[in-house]
Structures are given as C-alpha cells and as structure tokens.
Amino acid sequence: MVFADIGETMSGGNFHGEYPAKSLDYLAIGIHELANMSERRIERLINPAYSGLPAFLTKEGGLNSGLMIAHCTAAALVSENKVLTHPASVDSISTSAGQEDHVSMGGFSARKALTVVEHVEYVLAIELLSACQGIQFLRPLKSTEPLEAVYRLVRSVAKNFNHDRYIAPDIEAVRDLLHKNLIWEAVEPYMKKYEEEMHAKKMAGILSRMPDSPTGYSSRPASPKSWCGENGGAPQQKRPKYDAEV
C-alpha cells in the first residue's frame, strides 16, 4: 500500500497488481493515439497533394529523399505500438503452486507502456522536424509567436534539410527537447499570456465566455453542454465566433 501524503509504503500482502496493470495498459492505448494522429499529420505535410509543398519536403526530389525515410520510421513505430497496446492484463498464468492462481502481468504492462511512450516521443519529434521544414518553404511568411518560438528551438538542434544526410541525430535531438519538456517551456509563456488576456476580456464583459478553439491556445476544454438544451438537444442559440478562431 502506498501512502503518498506521507511518502511511505506498507507491505500487507496486497500483491495482486491488476489495478495498476490495467491502468498502465490504458495509458499505453491512450498515449499511442498521439502518435497515431501525429503520423497522419506528417503524411499531410510531406504529401504535395495535401500540403502544396514539394514532395517529402525537399527541393530536389529524386536526387534527395527528404523526409521520406523519416516518415517510414514514424509509420513503423506507430505500427509497432499497435502490437504493444494489446493489454497484458488480459493474460494470466497460474504460479506459486497454484497459490497465485490469477496473475496480473503488471510488470509487462509497465515495460511496454514505457516503450510506447518512447515511440510516441520519436514520432512527435519527426512531426516537429517535418513542420519546421514545411515552414522553411513558406518563408518569408511568419507563423504565430508561439510556433515561431518552437521553430527557433527545433532549428537550434536540427538545421534545415537542404540535402540528404543521416537524420537519426536530428530526430534524437528533437526528441530530447520533448523529453526534457523544453518544447512546452518555449510556448508556456504565450499560453499564459493568452489565458490572462482572455480572462481580462471576459471580466470586462468583452467576451461572454472563453474561446474554446484549439487555435486560441486556451487550456480550458470546450463545453458543448453550454450550447445544448437541457436534454442534450439542439443548441438554444447560435454559437458566436471569436477573433481567435478566424
């Protein structure tokens, strides 16, 4: 038993690990979805039919493969995660001469959850590299201040891909930024500033409620119920648009 408030543990024979095993299985499934969606965004970035940018985000296609192999790496990691997210806690083998007749397999749940998290970090790193490469093709246009901050941070460890090169060190370097929480630290001041500004506008009566658009950098989740009838029916009023959503 774990007593988090006093930082102590006590062994009382409560050795069955099914609850943490299932939690870790669900964790692996949930976080895998981040990579699953990230890989699809990478596809949209490197595919000229979707992005309007050069194929694989390289100027000289044919001579250079650009981020093609990096996308293959992301796809392989996502595919591997689909195997790893099969719940270990659904299995059981009786041990200890039948005394432990139902085993949680929690150890494996924990190990594979860590592997899934690591794979997700690498896929997100590849997406960041792809996004920054795409931004490079759109210069001299500028993105938003938070995204420009992320761009500068990524470019500080991984330069622009003008010609093919060994890409593993770049992926590793960007993954390290994620692992050390440096990406979040780069955008956090902007998100806090936006939150404060929107809160001030709400208090002043300029906004009836906080914008819930993902492009608004708001940490508050959307609240669909506020726009529906008491029984979840049709909206009672038309949802307004905010400048942040335009």
Foldseek 3Di string as FASTA:
>chain_A
DADVVVGDDDDDPPPADQVLLVVLLVLLVVLLVLLVVLLVVLVLLQDCVRNVAHHLLEDDPPQANRCPVVSVLSVVLSVVSVVLSPRPQVDADADDVNPRVGHRSSVSSNVSSVVSVLSSLLSVLSSLLSVLSSVVVVPPDDDDPLNVLSSVVLCVQPPHPHHDDPCVSSSVVSSVCVVVCVSVVSNVVVLVVLQVVQVVCCVVVVDVDGDQDPQSSHPDHDDVVVQADPVRHHGPDDDDDDPSVD
